Amino acid sequence: MFASDHGVTAEGVSAYPSVVTGEMVKNFVAGGAAICVLARAIEARLEVVDVGVLSPLDDLPIVHARVRAGTRNLMVEAAMTQEETARRWPLVGRPPAAPWQTAPTC
């Protein structure tokens, strides 16, 4: 699961503030989120990848691949530059991290 905060939330388009994203990631790691229950039910490993959460998550056993701390507000400017997008495009479709690189979540 890729996690990030989006600058456009400043426009009131989300029911939750950005601070909730970091708390949800912590909940995934703790195994308390609904997606964790589903993953356990089908014996799937849930891997969380931080690609731009505003909250610092450096101490969590997740994949740290942050492009930046959240995106810009796309109502005002491009959410990400072409260079930022190109830096993280290889994450799409990548194989999961090896077990020794990150602790399993859920």
C-alpha atoms as a PDB file:
ATOM      1  CA  MET A   1       0.000   0.000   0.000  1.00  0.00           C
ATOM      2  CA  PHE A   2       1.397   3.384  -0.976  1.00  0.00           C
ATOM      3  CA  ALA A   3       0.832   6.181   1.542  1.00  0.00           C
ATOM      4  CA  SER A   4       1.079   9.907   0.902  1.00  0.00           C
ATOM      5  CA  ASP A   5      -0.526  13.210   1.778  1.00  0.00           C
ATOM      6  CA  HIS A   6      -2.001  15.403  -0.916  1.00  0.00           C
ATOM      7  CA  GLY A   7      -1.730  19.184  -0.945  1.00  0.00           C
ATOM      8  CA  VAL A   8      -5.185  19.575  -2.466  1.00  0.00           C
ATOM      9  CA  THR A   9      -6.670  18.716   0.933  1.00  0.00           C
ATOM     10  CA  ALA A  10      -6.170  22.424   1.687  1.00  0.00           C
ATOM     11  CA  GLU A  11      -9.206  22.961  -0.565  1.00  0.00           C
ATOM     12  CA  GLY A  12     -11.474  21.011   1.797  1.00  0.00           C
ATOM     13  CA  VAL A  13     -11.849  17.990  -0.514  1.00  0.00           C
ATOM     14  CA  SER A  14     -11.133  15.408   2.184  1.00  0.00           C
ATOM     15  CA  ALA A  15     -13.142  14.423   5.222  1.00  0.00           C
ATOM     16  CA  TYR A  16      -9.919  14.082   7.243  1.00  0.00           C
ATOM     17  CA  PRO A  17      -6.903  16.324   7.816  1.00  0.00           C
ATOM     18  CA  SER A  18      -3.450  15.224   6.665  1.00  0.00           C
ATOM     19  CA  VAL A  19      -2.395  14.295  10.202  1.00  0.00           C
ATOM     20  CA  VAL A  20      -4.679  11.258   9.903  1.00  0.00           C
ATOM     21  CA  THR A  21      -2.451   9.693   7.226  1.00  0.00           C
ATOM     22  CA  GLY A  22       0.492   9.193   9.551  1.00  0.00           C
ATOM     23  CA  GLU A  23      -1.798   7.804  12.250  1.00  0.00           C
ATOM     24  CA  MET A  24      -3.302   5.353   9.753  1.00  0.00           C
ATOM     25  CA  VAL A  25       0.160   4.162   8.729  1.00  0.00           C
ATOM     26  CA  LYS A  26       0.943   3.556  12.407  1.00  0.00           C
ATOM     27  CA  ASN A  27      -2.329   1.619  12.672  1.00  0.00           C
ATOM     28  CA  PHE A  28      -1.367  -0.529   9.656  1.00  0.00           C
ATOM     29  CA  VAL A  29       1.947  -1.357  11.317  1.00  0.00           C
ATOM     30  CA  ALA A  30       0.146  -2.236  14.552  1.00  0.00           C
ATOM     31  CA  GLY A  31      -2.236  -4.496  12.635  1.00  0.00           C
ATOM     32  CA  GLY A  32      -5.339  -2.577  13.712  1.00  0.00           C
ATOM     33  CA  ALA A  33      -6.718  -1.378  10.381  1.00  0.00           C
ATOM     34  CA  ALA A  34      -9.512  -3.104   8.471  1.00  0.00           C
ATOM     35  CA  ILE A  35      -7.148  -3.855   5.592  1.00  0.00           C
ATOM     36  CA  CYS A  36      -4.972  -5.776   8.059  1.00  0.00           C
ATOM     37  CA  VAL A  37      -7.924  -7.979   8.978  1.00  0.00           C
ATOM     38  CA  LEU A  38      -8.531  -8.677   5.285  1.00  0.00           C
ATOM     39  CA  ALA A  39      -4.857  -9.390   4.652  1.00  0.00           C
ATOM     40  CA  ARG A  40      -4.724 -11.853   7.547  1.00  0.00           C
ATOM     41  CA  ALA A  41      -7.919 -13.557   6.357  1.00  0.00           C
ATOM     42  CA  ILE A  42      -6.337 -14.397   2.995  1.00  0.00           C
ATOM     43  CA  GLU A  43      -2.848 -14.877   4.443  1.00  0.00           C
ATOM     44  CA  ALA A  44      -1.465 -11.948   2.453  1.00  0.00           C
ATOM     45  CA  ARG A  45       1.419  -9.770   3.508  1.00  0.00           C
ATOM     46  CA  LEU A  46       0.589  -6.074   3.584  1.00  0.00           C
ATOM     47  CA  GLU A  47       3.534  -3.859   2.811  1.00  0.00           C
ATOM     48  CA  VAL A  48       3.328  -0.118   3.435  1.00  0.00           C
ATOM     49  CA  VAL A  49       5.411   2.255   1.319  1.00  0.00           C
ATOM     50  CA  ASP A  50       5.772   5.882   2.436  1.00  0.00           C
ATOM     51  CA  VAL A  51       6.032   7.927  -0.758  1.00  0.00           C
ATOM     52  CA  GLY A  52       5.078  11.247   0.803  1.00  0.00           C
ATOM     53  CA  VAL A  53       3.405  11.225   4.199  1.00  0.00           C
ATOM     54  CA  LEU A  54       3.709  14.592   5.950  1.00  0.00           C
ATOM     55  CA  SER A  55       4.299  13.070   9.382  1.00  0.00           C
ATOM     56  CA  PRO A  56       7.782  11.685  10.041  1.00  0.00           C
ATOM     57  CA  LEU A  57       7.627   7.875  10.013  1.00  0.00           C
ATOM     58  CA  ASP A  58      11.339   7.072  10.093  1.00  0.00           C
ATOM     59  CA  ASP A  59      11.051   4.776  13.109  1.00  0.00           C
ATOM     60  CA  LEU A  60       8.389   2.510  11.558  1.00  0.00           C
ATOM     61  CA  PRO A  61       9.196  -0.824   9.866  1.00  0.00           C
ATOM     62  CA  ILE A  62       7.863   0.221   6.464  1.00  0.00           C
ATOM     63  CA  VAL A  63       9.447   0.903   3.092  1.00  0.00           C
ATOM     64  CA  HIS A  64      10.753   4.477   3.137  1.00  0.00           C
ATOM     65  CA  ALA A  65      10.641   5.899  -0.378  1.00  0.00           C
ATOM     66  CA  ARG A  66       9.462   9.444   0.253  1.00  0.00           C
ATOM     67  CA  VAL A  67       9.569  11.758  -2.725  1.00  0.00           C
ATOM     68  CA  ARG A  68       8.697  14.743  -0.573  1.00  0.00           C
ATOM     69  CA  ALA A  69       6.569  15.454   2.483  1.00  0.00           C
ATOM     70  CA  GLY A  70       3.182  15.542   0.755  1.00  0.00           C
ATOM     71  CA  THR A  71       2.363  16.908  -2.662  1.00  0.00           C
ATOM     72  CA  ARG A  72       1.641  20.501  -3.567  1.00  0.00           C
ATOM     73  CA  ASN A  73      -1.903  21.771  -3.946  1.00  0.00           C
ATOM     74  CA  LEU A  74      -2.845  20.838  -7.527  1.00  0.00           C
ATOM     75  CA  MET A  75      -5.458  23.602  -7.574  1.00  0.00           C
ATOM     76  CA  VAL A  76      -2.585  26.077  -7.391  1.00  0.00           C
ATOM     77  CA  GLU A  77       0.362  24.325  -9.059  1.00  0.00           C
ATOM     78  CA  ALA A  78       1.555  20.932 -10.217  1.00  0.00           C
ATOM     79  CA  ALA A  79       1.315  18.430  -7.363  1.00  0.00           C
ATOM     80  CA  MET A  80       4.775  17.087  -8.232  1.00  0.00           C
ATOM     81  CA  THR A  81       7.475  18.148 -10.639  1.00  0.00           C
ATOM     82  CA  GLN A  82       8.372  15.896 -13.552  1.00  0.00           C
ATOM     83  CA  GLU A  83      11.642  15.084 -11.796  1.00  0.00           C
ATOM     84  CA  GLU A  84       9.842  14.062  -8.586  1.00  0.00           C
ATOM     85  CA  THR A  85       7.484  11.856 -10.562  1.00  0.00           C
ATOM     86  CA  ALA A  86      10.330  10.243 -12.497  1.00  0.00           C
ATOM     87  CA  ARG A  87      12.216   9.495  -9.268  1.00  0.00           C
ATOM     88  CA  ARG A  88       9.401   7.357  -7.901  1.00  0.00           C
ATOM     89  CA  TRP A  89       7.911   5.905 -11.056  1.00  0.00           C
ATOM     90  CA  PRO A  90      10.099   2.760 -10.677  1.00  0.00           C
ATOM     91  CA  LEU A  91       8.164   1.939  -7.486  1.00  0.00           C
ATOM     92  CA  VAL A  92       5.081   1.129  -9.548  1.00  0.00           C
ATOM     93  CA  GLY A  93       5.000  -2.604 -10.118  1.00  0.00           C
ATOM     94  CA  ARG A  94       8.199  -3.241  -8.174  1.00  0.00           C
ATOM     95  CA  PRO A  95       8.650  -6.529  -6.362  1.00  0.00           C
ATOM     96  CA  PRO A  96       7.953  -6.478  -2.629  1.00  0.00           C
ATOM     97  CA  ALA A  97      10.780  -5.719  -0.259  1.00  0.00           C
ATOM     98  CA  ALA A  98      12.723  -8.723   0.945  1.00  0.00           C
ATOM     99  CA  PRO A  99      11.711  -9.822   4.459  1.00  0.00           C
ATOM    100  CA  TRP A 100      15.010  -8.617   5.910  1.00  0.00           C
ATOM    101  CA  GLN A 101      14.483  -5.104   4.492  1.00  0.00           C
ATOM    102  CA  THR A 102      11.265  -4.362   6.306  1.00  0.00           C
ATOM    103  CA  ALA A 103       9.239  -6.032   9.006  1.00  0.00           C
ATOM    104  CA  PRO A 104       5.911  -7.362   7.807  1.00  0.00           C
ATOM    105  CA  THR A 105       2.957  -5.219   8.664  1.00  0.00           C
ATOM    106  CA  CYS A 106      -0.381  -6.711   9.610  1.00  0.00           C
END
